[in-house]
PDB file of N, CA and C in Angstrom:
ATOM      1  N   MET A   1     141.823 192.446  77.602  1.00  0.00           N
ATOM      2  CA  MET A   1     142.139 191.477  78.627  1.00  0.00           C
ATOM      3  C   MET A   1     140.921 190.623  78.921  1.00  0.00           C
ATOM      4  N   GLY A   2     141.135 189.325  79.202  1.00  0.00           N
ATOM      5  CA  GLY A   2     140.037 188.421  79.513  1.00  0.00           C
ATOM      6  C   GLY A   2     139.644 188.526  80.977  1.00  0.00           C
ATOM      7  N   VAL A   3     138.575 187.879  81.298  1.00  0.00           N
ATOM      8  CA  VAL A   3     138.095 187.851  82.672  1.00  0.00           C
ATOM      9  C   VAL A   3     138.950 186.848  83.438  1.00  0.00           C
ATOM     10  N   GLY A   4     139.399 187.238  84.612  1.00  0.00           N
ATOM     11  CA  GLY A   4     140.236 186.350  85.411  1.00  0.00           C
ATOM     12  C   GLY A   4     140.216 186.771  86.857  1.00  0.00           C
ATOM     13  N   ILE A   5     141.180 186.293  87.579  1.00  0.00           N
ATOM     14  CA  ILE A   5     141.297 186.636  88.985  1.00  0.00           C
ATOM     15  C   ILE A   5     141.829 188.056  89.092  1.00  0.00           C
ATOM     16  N   PRO A   6     141.172 188.893  89.891  1.00  0.00           N
ATOM     17  CA  PRO A   6     141.652 190.266  90.022  1.00  0.00           C
ATOM     18  C   PRO A   6     143.018 190.290  90.704  1.00  0.00           C
ATOM     19  N   VAL A   7     143.912 191.039  90.141  1.00  0.00           N
ATOM     20  CA  VAL A   7     145.263 191.161  90.680  1.00  0.00           C
ATOM     21  C   VAL A   7     145.452 192.605  91.122  1.00  0.00           C
ATOM     22  N   PRO A   8     145.914 192.820  92.368  1.00  0.00           N
ATOM     23  CA  PRO A   8     146.128 194.191  92.820  1.00  0.00           C
ATOM     24  C   PRO A   8     147.272 194.831  92.038  1.00  0.00           C
ATOM     25  N   PRO A   9     147.228 196.132  91.876  1.00  0.00           N
ATOM     26  CA  PRO A   9     148.298 196.824  91.160  1.00  0.00           C
ATOM     27  C   PRO A   9     149.634 196.598  91.856  1.00  0.00           C
ATOM     28  N   ALA A  10     150.695 196.633  91.074  1.00  0.00           N
ATOM     29  CA  ALA A  10     152.037 196.413  91.613  1.00  0.00           C
ATOM     30  C   ALA A  10     152.363 197.468  92.660  1.00  0.00           C
ATOM     31  N   GLY A  11     153.078 197.071  93.681  1.00  0.00           N
ATOM     32  CA  GLY A  11     153.502 198.012  94.706  1.00  0.00           C
ATOM     33  C   GLY A  11     152.566 198.085  95.897  1.00  0.00           C
ATOM     34  N   ILE A  12     151.357 197.544  95.789  1.00  0.00           N
ATOM     35  CA  ILE A  12     150.422 197.567  96.913  1.00  0.00           C
ATOM     36  C   ILE A  12     150.532 196.220  97.629  1.00  0.00           C
ATOM     37  N   PRO A  13     150.941 196.236  98.883  1.00  0.00           N
ATOM     38  CA  PRO A  13     151.077 194.966  99.593  1.00  0.00           C
ATOM     39  C   PRO A  13     149.697 194.361  99.879  1.00  0.00           C
ATOM     40  N   THR A  14     149.625 193.053  99.791  1.00  0.00           N
ATOM     41  CA  THR A  14     148.373 192.366 100.096  1.00  0.00           C
ATOM     42  C   THR A  14     148.595 191.466 101.301  1.00  0.00           C
ATOM     43  N   ALA A  15     147.558 191.315 102.089  1.00  0.00           N
ATOM     44  CA  ALA A  15     147.646 190.450 103.263  1.00  0.00           C
ATOM     45  C   ALA A  15     147.533 188.999 102.810  1.00  0.00           C
ATOM     46  N   PRO A  16     148.289 188.112 103.425  1.00  0.00           N
ATOM     47  CA  PRO A  16     148.163 186.701 103.072  1.00  0.00           C
ATOM     48  C   PRO A  16     146.792 186.183 103.499  1.00  0.00           C
ATOM     49  N   GLY A  17     146.433 185.031 102.993  1.00  0.00           N
ATOM     50  CA  GLY A  17     145.152 184.441 103.362  1.00  0.00           C
ATOM     51  C   GLY A  17     145.052 184.280 104.871  1.00  0.00           C
ATOM     52  N   ILE A  18     143.896 184.588 105.403  1.00  0.00           N
ATOM     53  CA  ILE A  18     143.693 184.535 106.846  1.00  0.00           C
ATOM     54  C   ILE A  18     142.680 183.439 107.153  1.00  0.00           C
ATOM     55  N   GLY A  19     142.994 182.611 108.133  1.00  0.00           N
ATOM     56  CA  GLY A  19     142.044 181.610 108.599  1.00  0.00           C
ATOM     57  C   GLY A  19     141.711 180.537 107.589  1.00  0.00           C
ATOM     58  N   GLY A  20     142.644 180.172 106.735  1.00  0.00           N
ATOM     59  CA  GLY A  20     142.389 179.115 105.772  1.00  0.00           C
ATOM     60  C   GLY A  20     141.680 179.577 104.516  1.00  0.00           C
ATOM     61  N   TYR A  21     141.648 180.868 104.279  1.00  0.00           N
ATOM     62  CA  TYR A  21     141.017 181.416 103.080  1.00  0.00           C
ATOM     63  C   TYR A  21     142.049 182.169 102.260  1.00  0.00           C
ATOM     64  N   THR A  22     141.868 182.173 100.950  1.00  0.00           N
ATOM     65  CA  THR A  22     142.744 182.948 100.086  1.00  0.00           C
ATOM     66  C   THR A  22     142.352 184.417 100.173  1.00  0.00           C
ATOM     67  N   ASN A  23     143.122 185.253  99.522  1.00  0.00           N
ATOM     68  CA  ASN A  23     142.824 186.691  99.522  1.00  0.00           C
ATOM     69  C   ASN A  23     141.476 186.991  98.876  1.00  0.00           C
ATOM     70  N   THR A  24     141.026 186.105  98.011  1.00  0.00           N
ATOM     71  CA  THR A  24     139.742 186.326  97.341  1.00  0.00           C
ATOM     72  C   THR A  24     138.577 185.710  98.100  1.00  0.00           C
ATOM     73  N   GLY A  25     138.850 185.125  99.263  1.00  0.00           N
ATOM     74  CA  GLY A  25     137.781 184.593 100.100  1.00  0.00           C
ATOM     75  C   GLY A  25     137.434 183.137  99.860  1.00  0.00           C
ATOM     76  N   VAL A  26     138.237 182.441  99.090  1.00  0.00           N
ATOM     77  CA  VAL A  26     137.989 181.031  98.801  1.00  0.00           C
ATOM     78  C   VAL A  26     138.736 180.184  99.828  1.00  0.00           C
ATOM     79  N   PRO A  27     138.082 179.174 100.424  1.00  0.00           N
ATOM     80  CA  PRO A  27     138.790 178.333 101.392  1.00  0.00           C
ATOM     81  C   PRO A  27     139.903 177.543 100.704  1.00  0.00           C
ATOM     82  N   THR A  28     141.015 177.385 101.405  1.00  0.00           N
ATOM     83  CA  THR A  28     142.129 176.624 100.847  1.00  0.00           C
ATOM     84  C   THR A  28     141.834 175.134 100.955  1.00  0.00           C
ATOM     85  N   PHE A  29     142.499 174.355 100.107  1.00  0.00           N
ATOM     86  CA  PHE A  29     142.317 172.909 100.135  1.00  0.00           C
ATOM     87  C   PHE A  29     142.683 172.352 101.504  1.00  0.00           C
ATOM     88  N   GLU A  30     143.765 172.840 102.067  1.00  0.00           N
ATOM     89  CA  GLU A  30     144.215 172.358 103.372  1.00  0.00           C
ATOM     90  C   GLU A  30     143.178 172.621 104.458  1.00  0.00           C
ATOM     91  N   SER A  31     142.565 173.806 104.438  1.00  0.00           N
ATOM     92  CA  SER A  31     141.578 174.117 105.476  1.00  0.00           C
ATOM     93  C   SER A  31     140.334 173.245 105.335  1.00  0.00           C
ATOM     94  N   VAL A  32     139.934 172.971 104.105  1.00  0.00           N
ATOM     95  CA  VAL A  32     138.768 172.114 103.878  1.00  0.00           C
ATOM     96  C   VAL A  32     139.085 170.686 104.316  1.00  0.00           C
ATOM     97  N   ARG A  33     140.270 170.198 103.938  1.00  0.00           N
ATOM     98  CA  ARG A  33     140.670 168.844 104.326  1.00  0.00           C
ATOM     99  C   ARG A  33     140.733 168.717 105.842  1.00  0.00           C
ATOM    100  N   ASP A  34     141.330 169.699 106.514  1.00  0.00           N
ATOM    101  CA  ASP A  34     141.427 169.668 107.974  1.00  0.00           C
ATOM    102  C   ASP A  34     140.044 169.641 108.623  1.00  0.00           C
ATOM    103  N   LYS A  35     139.126 170.429 108.087  1.00  0.00           N
ATOM    104  CA  LYS A  35     137.772 170.480 108.654  1.00  0.00           C
ATOM    105  C   LYS A  35     137.060 169.136 108.479  1.00  0.00           C
ATOM    106  N   VAL A  36     137.209 168.527 107.307  1.00  0.00           N
ATOM    107  CA  VAL A  36     136.578 167.229 107.056  1.00  0.00           C
ATOM    108  C   VAL A  36     137.173 166.172 107.977  1.00  0.00           C
ATOM    109  N   GLU A  37     138.505 166.153 108.105  1.00  0.00           N
ATOM    110  CA  GLU A  37     139.157 165.171 108.973  1.00  0.00           C
ATOM    111  C   GLU A  37     138.742 165.360 110.430  1.00  0.00           C
ATOM    112  N   GLN A  38     138.601 166.601 110.857  1.00  0.00           N
ATOM    113  CA  GLN A  38     138.187 166.871 112.232  1.00  0.00           C
ATOM    114  C   GLN A  38     136.765 166.365 112.473  1.00  0.00           C
ATOM    115  N   ARG A  39     135.869 166.630 111.550  1.00  0.00           N
ATOM    116  CA  ARG A  39     134.480 166.177 111.714  1.00  0.00           C
ATOM    117  C   ARG A  39     134.387 164.657 111.679  1.00  0.00           C
ATOM    118  N   TYR A  40     135.174 164.019 110.806  1.00  0.00           N
ATOM    119  CA  TYR A  40     135.170 162.562 110.731  1.00  0.00           C
ATOM    120  C   TYR A  40     135.689 161.970 112.037  1.00  0.00           C
ATOM    121  N   GLY A  41     136.778 162.520 112.555  1.00  0.00           N
ATOM    122  CA  GLY A  41     137.332 162.044 113.820  1.00  0.00           C
ATOM    123  C   GLY A  41     136.359 162.218 114.968  1.00  0.00           C
ATOM    124  N   THR A  42     135.670 163.340 114.988  1.00  0.00           N
ATOM    125  CA  THR A  42     134.682 163.591 116.040  1.00  0.00           C
ATOM    126  C   THR A  42     133.549 162.572 115.967  1.00  0.00           C
ATOM    127  N   SER A  43     133.067 162.297 114.765  1.00  0.00           N
ATOM    128  CA  SER A  43     131.962 161.339 114.631  1.00  0.00           C
ATOM    129  C   SER A  43     132.406 159.934 115.016  1.00  0.00           C
ATOM    130  N   GLN A  44     133.627 159.552 114.655  1.00  0.00           N
ATOM    131  CA  GLN A  44     134.142 158.242 115.047  1.00  0.00           C
ATOM    132  C   GLN A  44     134.240 158.145 116.564  1.00  0.00           C
ATOM    133  N   GLY A  45     134.769 159.175 117.192  1.00  0.00           N
ATOM    134  CA  GLY A  45     134.915 159.179 118.646  1.00  0.00           C
ATOM    135  C   GLY A  45     133.578 159.132 119.357  1.00  0.00           C
ATOM    136  N   MET A  46     132.601 159.860 118.841  1.00  0.00           N
ATOM    137  CA  MET A  46     131.275 159.851 119.463  1.00  0.00           C
ATOM    138  C   MET A  46     130.656 158.455 119.379  1.00  0.00           C
ATOM    139  N   GLY A  47     130.850 157.786 118.262  1.00  0.00           N
ATOM    140  CA  GLY A  47     130.326 156.428 118.119  1.00  0.00           C
ATOM    141  C   GLY A  47     130.960 155.475 119.113  1.00  0.00           C
ATOM    142  N   GLU A  48     132.271 155.599 119.295  1.00  0.00           N
ATOM    143  CA  GLU A  48     132.963 154.745 120.264  1.00  0.00           C
ATOM    144  C   GLU A  48     132.478 155.026 121.677  1.00  0.00           C
ATOM    145  N   LEU A  49     132.322 156.288 122.007  1.00  0.00           N
ATOM    146  CA  LEU A  49     131.847 156.635 123.347  1.00  0.00           C
ATOM    147  C   LEU A  49     130.422 156.139 123.576  1.00  0.00           C
ATOM    148  N   ASP A  50     129.584 156.243 122.557  1.00  0.00           N
ATOM    149  CA  ASP A  50     128.200 155.771 122.686  1.00  0.00           C
ATOM    150  C   ASP A  50     128.148 154.278 122.993  1.00  0.00           C
ATOM    151  N   ARG A  51     129.012 153.503 122.333  1.00  0.00           N
ATOM    152  CA  ARG A  51     129.005 152.054 122.551  1.00  0.00           C
ATOM    153  C   ARG A  51     129.528 151.679 123.932  1.00  0.00           C
ATOM    154  N   GLN A  52     130.253 152.575 124.587  1.00  0.00           N
ATOM    155  CA  GLN A  52     130.829 152.273 125.893  1.00  0.00           C
ATOM    156  C   GLN A  52     129.896 152.622 127.047  1.00  0.00           C
ATOM    157  N   THR A  53     128.828 153.344 126.781  1.00  0.00           N
ATOM    158  CA  THR A  53     127.901 153.719 127.851  1.00  0.00           C
ATOM    159  C   THR A  53     126.825 152.653 127.998  1.00  0.00           C
ATOM    160  N   PRO A  54     126.230 152.528 129.180  1.00  0.00           N
ATOM    161  CA  PRO A  54     125.147 151.551 129.359  1.00  0.00           C
ATOM    162  C   PRO A  54     123.979 151.788 128.399  1.00  0.00           C
ATOM    163  N   VAL A  55     123.629 153.039 128.189  1.00  0.00           N
ATOM    164  CA  VAL A  55     122.521 153.349 127.277  1.00  0.00           C
ATOM    165  C   VAL A  55     122.884 152.936 125.856  1.00  0.00           C
ATOM    166  N   GLY A  56     124.118 153.221 125.457  1.00  0.00           N
ATOM    167  CA  GLY A  56     124.559 152.848 124.114  1.00  0.00           C
ATOM    168  C   GLY A  56     124.551 151.348 123.907  1.00  0.00           C
ATOM    169  N   ARG A  57     125.002 150.613 124.914  1.00  0.00           N
ATOM    170  CA  ARG A  57     124.986 149.148 124.814  1.00  0.00           C
ATOM    171  C   ARG A  57     123.552 148.640 124.762  1.00  0.00           C
ATOM    172  N   SER A  58     122.669 149.257 125.544  1.00  0.00           N
ATOM    173  CA  SER A  58     121.269 148.852 125.563  1.00  0.00           C
ATOM    174  C   SER A  58     120.634 149.040 124.187  1.00  0.00           C
ATOM    175  N   VAL A  59     120.915 150.153 123.556  1.00  0.00           N
ATOM    176  CA  VAL A  59     120.365 150.419 122.219  1.00  0.00           C
ATOM    177  C   VAL A  59     120.892 149.391 121.231  1.00  0.00           C
ATOM    178  N   GLU A  60     122.176 149.080 121.330  1.00  0.00           N
ATOM    179  CA  GLU A  60     122.764 148.091 120.424  1.00  0.00           C
ATOM    180  C   GLU A  60     122.135 146.712 120.648  1.00  0.00           C
ATOM    181  N   GLU A  61     121.898 146.356 121.904  1.00  0.00           N
ATOM    182  CA  GLU A  61     121.254 145.077 122.215  1.00  0.00           C
ATOM    183  C   GLU A  61     119.823 145.051 121.682  1.00  0.00           C
ATOM    184  N   GLN A  62     119.108 146.165 121.812  1.00  0.00           N
ATOM    185  CA  GLN A  62     117.742 146.240 121.282  1.00  0.00           C
ATOM    186  C   GLN A  62     117.752 146.073 119.764  1.00  0.00           C
ATOM    187  N   TRP A  63     118.714 146.703 119.106  1.00  0.00           N
ATOM    188  CA  TRP A  63     118.825 146.604 117.648  1.00  0.00           C
ATOM    189  C   TRP A  63     119.079 145.152 117.244  1.00  0.00           C
ATOM    190  N   ASP A  64     119.997 144.495 117.958  1.00  0.00           N
ATOM    191  CA  ASP A  64     120.301 143.096 117.657  1.00  0.00           C
ATOM    192  C   ASP A  64     119.079 142.207 117.884  1.00  0.00           C
ATOM    193  N   ALA A  65     118.323 142.458 118.957  1.00  0.00           N
ATOM    194  CA  ALA A  65     117.126 141.665 119.245  1.00  0.00           C
ATOM    195  C   ALA A  65     116.076 141.855 118.149  1.00  0.00           C
ATOM    196  N   ARG A  66     115.904 143.076 117.674  1.00  0.00           N
ATOM    197  CA  ARG A  66     114.939 143.327 116.594  1.00  0.00           C
ATOM    198  C   ARG A  66     115.373 142.642 115.307  1.00  0.00           C
ATOM    199  N   ALA A  67     116.669 142.705 115.019  1.00  0.00           N
ATOM    200  CA  ALA A  67     117.175 142.063 113.804  1.00  0.00           C
ATOM    201  C   ALA A  67     116.956 140.554 113.876  1.00  0.00           C
ATOM    202  N   LYS A  68     117.194 139.959 115.037  1.00  0.00           N
ATOM    203  CA  LYS A  68     116.983 138.521 115.212  1.00  0.00           C
ATOM    204  C   LYS A  68     115.502 138.179 115.041  1.00  0.00           C
ATOM    205  N   ALA A  69     114.622 138.974 115.646  1.00  0.00           N
ATOM    206  CA  ALA A  69     113.184 138.742 115.520  1.00  0.00           C
ATOM    207  C   ALA A  69     112.743 138.867 114.059  1.00  0.00           C
ATOM    208  N   ALA A  70     113.306 139.821 113.347  1.00  0.00           N
ATOM    209  CA  ALA A  70     112.949 140.008 111.940  1.00  0.00           C
ATOM    210  C   ALA A  70     113.391 138.803 111.111  1.00  0.00           C
ATOM    211  N   ARG A  71     114.594 138.293 111.369  1.00  0.00           N
ATOM    212  CA  ARG A  71     115.062 137.107 110.642  1.00  0.00           C
ATOM    213  C   ARG A  71     114.167 135.902 110.921  1.00  0.00           C
ATOM    214  N   GLU A  72     113.784 135.731 112.195  1.00  0.00           N
ATOM    215  CA  GLU A  72     112.914 134.611 112.558  1.00  0.00           C
ATOM    216  C   GLU A  72     111.548 134.731 111.884  1.00  0.00           C
ATOM    217  N   ARG A  73     110.995 135.926 111.869  1.00  0.00           N
ATOM    218  CA  ARG A  73     109.682 136.148 111.243  1.00  0.00           C
ATOM    219  C   ARG A  73     109.763 135.897 109.741  1.00  0.00           C
ATOM    220  N   LEU A  74     110.835 136.340 109.113  1.00  0.00           N
ATOM    221  CA  LEU A  74     111.014 136.118 107.682  1.00  0.00           C
ATOM    222  C   LEU A  74     111.093 134.625 107.386  1.00  0.00           C
ATOM    223  N   GLU A  75     111.787 133.895 108.229  1.00  0.00           N
ATOM    224  CA  GLU A  75     111.877 132.441 108.048  1.00  0.00           C
ATOM    225  C   GLU A  75     110.501 131.794 108.193  1.00  0.00           C
ATOM    226  N   GLN A  76     109.694 132.260 109.151  1.00  0.00           N
ATOM    227  CA  GLN A  76     108.330 131.739 109.316  1.00  0.00           C
ATOM    228  C   GLN A  76     107.496 131.987 108.060  1.00  0.00           C
ATOM    229  N   ILE A  77     107.609 133.178 107.516  1.00  0.00           N
ATOM    230  CA  ILE A  77     106.851 133.528 106.306  1.00  0.00           C
ATOM    231  C   ILE A  77     107.287 132.643 105.145  1.00  0.00           C
ATOM    232  N   ARG A  78     108.587 132.441 104.998  1.00  0.00           N
ATOM    233  CA  ARG A  78     109.087 131.591 103.912  1.00  0.00           C
ATOM    234  C   ARG A  78     108.579 130.160 104.056  1.00  0.00           C
ATOM    235  N   GLN A  79     108.605 129.643 105.280  1.00  0.00           N
ATOM    236  CA  GLN A  79     108.132 128.277 105.504  1.00  0.00           C
ATOM    237  C   GLN A  79     106.640 128.161 105.213  1.00  0.00           C
ATOM    238  N   SER A  80     105.864 129.162 105.610  1.00  0.00           N
ATOM    239  CA  SER A  80     104.422 129.105 105.348  1.00  0.00           C
ATOM    240  C   SER A  80     104.135 129.183 103.851  1.00  0.00           C
ATOM    241  N   MET A  81     104.932 129.932 103.114  1.00  0.00           N
ATOM    242  CA  MET A  81     104.739 130.021 101.666  1.00  0.00           C
ATOM    243  C   MET A  81     105.113 128.710 100.989  1.00  0.00           C
ATOM    244  N   GLN A  82     106.129 128.037 101.468  1.00  0.00           N
ATOM    245  CA  GLN A  82     106.513 126.745 100.894  1.00  0.00           C
ATOM    246  C   GLN A  82     105.428 125.711 101.163  1.00  0.00           C
ATOM    247  N   GLY A  83     104.792 125.806 102.321  1.00  0.00           N
ATOM    248  CA  GLY A  83     103.698 124.889 102.645  1.00  0.00           C
ATOM    249  C   GLY A  83     102.510 125.092 101.728  1.00  0.00           C
ATOM    250  N   ASN A  84     102.220 126.332 101.320  1.00  0.00           N
ATOM    251  CA  ASN A  84     101.091 126.626 100.433  1.00  0.00           C
ATOM    252  C   ASN A  84     101.359 126.166  99.015  1.00  0.00           C
ATOM    253  N   ASP A  85     102.603 126.148  98.583  1.00  0.00           N
ATOM    254  CA  ASP A  85     102.943 125.743  97.218  1.00  0.00           C
ATOM    255  C   ASP A  85     102.719 124.251  97.003  1.00  0.00           C
ATOM    256  N   SER A  86     102.849 123.445  98.046  1.00  0.00           N
ATOM    257  CA  SER A  86     102.735 121.995  97.896  1.00  0.00           C
ATOM    258  C   SER A  86     101.287 121.522  97.849  1.00  0.00           C
ATOM    259  N   GLU A  87     100.330 122.343  98.172  1.00  0.00           N
ATOM    260  CA  GLU A  87      98.916 121.940  98.199  1.00  0.00           C
ATOM    261  C   GLU A  87      98.311 121.884  96.840  1.00  0.00           C
TER     262      GLU A  87
END
């Protein structure tokens, strides 16, 4: 006989998978999918809640201000480089 999944002898009842695991201890596809969907939903909800709080809005405003400052600085650098090329 080849190596395979161990099968209990006939006549011995086996308990069904408990808690999303098979009898051999492997998580079922459904349990893994449910866990991933739950974690994804939780992360989405936390992001929405963060944006609704004053602190969350403040952080988002700070991020936007930094991004704007970075774009302006990059434009200044580009303009200064174009000025040096014409000399």
